[in-house]
Amino acid sequence: MLWDKHVLPRIGGVELRRLTPQTIETFRADLEAVGVGPAAVRKTLAVLQSVLRRAVVGRRIAANPVAAVRKPPQRRTRLVGPLAPASVEALRW
């Protein structure tokens, strides 16, 4: 879904050899500009990086341009709250 929704419409027609870290930076900025959230941007870049890794292995490109681009940080949205010892004991019974 991420590939079809984000990658193909924006850079799907770009030749592999024309993909540079600057192209990927622009791609990331475009995603952020249209309101794609950080988690979706990170996942989209991960999918693209994985595909381009196969292109490197297949010697279609010399290096993976996505590897040089910083991805949005992954933020924890939920803190773990440990249970009180009395609550743990109540669960045991």
Protein backbone atom coordinates (compact mmCIF):
# COMPACT_ATOMS: atom_id res chain seq x y z
CA MET A 1 0.00 0.00 0.00
CA LEU A 2 2.79 2.47 0.89
CA TRP A 3 4.53 1.76 -2.40
CA ASP A 4 1.37 2.32 -4.45
CA LYS A 5 0.23 5.35 -2.49
CA HIS A 6 3.48 7.25 -1.96
CA VAL A 7 6.39 5.92 -4.01
CA LEU A 8 4.93 5.18 -7.44
CA PRO A 9 3.13 8.51 -7.94
CA ARG A 10 6.14 10.60 -6.93
CA ILE A 11 9.28 8.77 -8.04
CA GLY A 12 8.02 5.65 -9.76
CA GLY A 13 9.04 6.95 -13.18
CA VAL A 14 12.55 8.00 -12.17
CA GLU A 15 15.36 5.84 -13.55
CA LEU A 16 17.31 4.02 -10.84
CA ARG A 17 20.57 5.72 -11.77
CA ARG A 18 18.90 9.12 -11.33
CA LEU A 19 17.92 8.41 -7.73
CA THR A 20 20.30 10.30 -5.47
CA PRO A 21 20.21 11.14 -1.77
CA GLN A 22 19.00 14.61 -2.82
CA THR A 23 16.14 13.05 -4.80
CA ILE A 24 15.17 10.99 -1.77
CA GLU A 25 15.41 14.06 0.51
CA THR A 26 13.05 15.90 -1.84
CA PHE A 27 10.75 12.87 -1.85
CA ARG A 28 10.71 12.83 1.96
CA ALA A 29 10.04 16.57 2.10
CA ASP A 30 7.19 16.17 -0.39
CA LEU A 31 5.60 13.46 1.76
CA GLU A 32 5.85 15.65 4.84
CA ALA A 33 4.49 18.68 2.96
CA VAL A 34 1.30 16.86 2.00
CA GLY A 35 0.73 15.78 5.59
CA VAL A 36 2.00 12.23 5.64
CA GLY A 37 2.80 11.40 9.25
CA PRO A 38 6.28 10.57 10.54
CA ALA A 39 5.50 6.86 11.01
CA ALA A 40 4.23 6.51 7.42
CA VAL A 41 7.22 8.47 6.06
CA ARG A 42 9.59 6.21 7.99
CA LYS A 43 7.84 3.05 6.77
CA THR A 44 7.73 4.31 3.18
CA LEU A 45 11.45 5.07 3.23
CA ALA A 46 12.11 1.65 4.74
CA VAL A 47 10.19 -0.04 1.92
CA LEU A 48 12.03 2.03 -0.69
CA GLN A 49 15.39 1.31 0.96
CA SER A 50 14.64 -2.41 0.93
CA VAL A 51 13.73 -2.37 -2.76
CA LEU A 52 16.83 -0.38 -3.64
CA ARG A 53 18.97 -2.75 -1.56
CA ARG A 54 17.91 -5.47 -4.00
CA ALA A 55 18.92 -3.18 -6.88
CA VAL A 56 22.38 -2.82 -5.32
CA VAL A 57 22.70 -6.58 -4.87
CA GLY A 58 21.62 -7.03 -8.49
CA ARG A 59 24.22 -4.44 -9.54
CA ARG A 60 21.63 -2.15 -11.08
CA ILE A 61 22.90 0.74 -8.94
CA ALA A 62 26.21 1.23 -7.13
CA ALA A 63 24.84 2.43 -3.78
CA ASN A 64 21.52 2.78 -2.02
CA PRO A 65 20.57 6.48 -1.97
CA VAL A 66 17.99 5.98 0.79
CA ALA A 67 20.68 4.83 3.21
CA ALA A 68 22.10 8.37 3.31
CA VAL A 69 18.76 10.00 4.18
CA ARG A 70 17.73 10.50 7.78
CA LYS A 71 14.41 8.91 8.60
CA PRO A 72 11.94 10.49 11.02
CA PRO A 73 12.63 9.28 14.55
CA GLN A 74 10.43 6.57 15.99
CA ARG A 75 8.66 7.91 19.02
CA ARG A 76 7.15 5.83 21.77
CA THR A 77 3.59 6.91 22.26
CA ARG A 78 2.81 4.84 25.30
CA LEU A 79 4.74 4.61 28.52
CA VAL A 80 4.90 1.35 30.37
CA GLY A 81 3.40 1.72 33.81
CA PRO A 82 4.45 -1.06 36.17
CA LEU A 83 1.77 -2.52 38.39
CA ALA A 84 1.96 -2.12 42.13
CA PRO A 85 2.93 -5.30 43.99
CA ALA A 86 -0.56 -5.51 45.52
CA SER A 87 -2.10 -5.45 42.03
CA VAL A 88 0.17 -8.25 40.87
CA GLU A 89 -0.79 -10.33 43.87
CA ALA A 90 -4.48 -9.69 43.18
CA LEU A 91 -4.02 -10.92 39.59
CA ARG A 92 -2.40 -14.14 40.75
CA TRP A 93 -5.64 -15.24 42.49
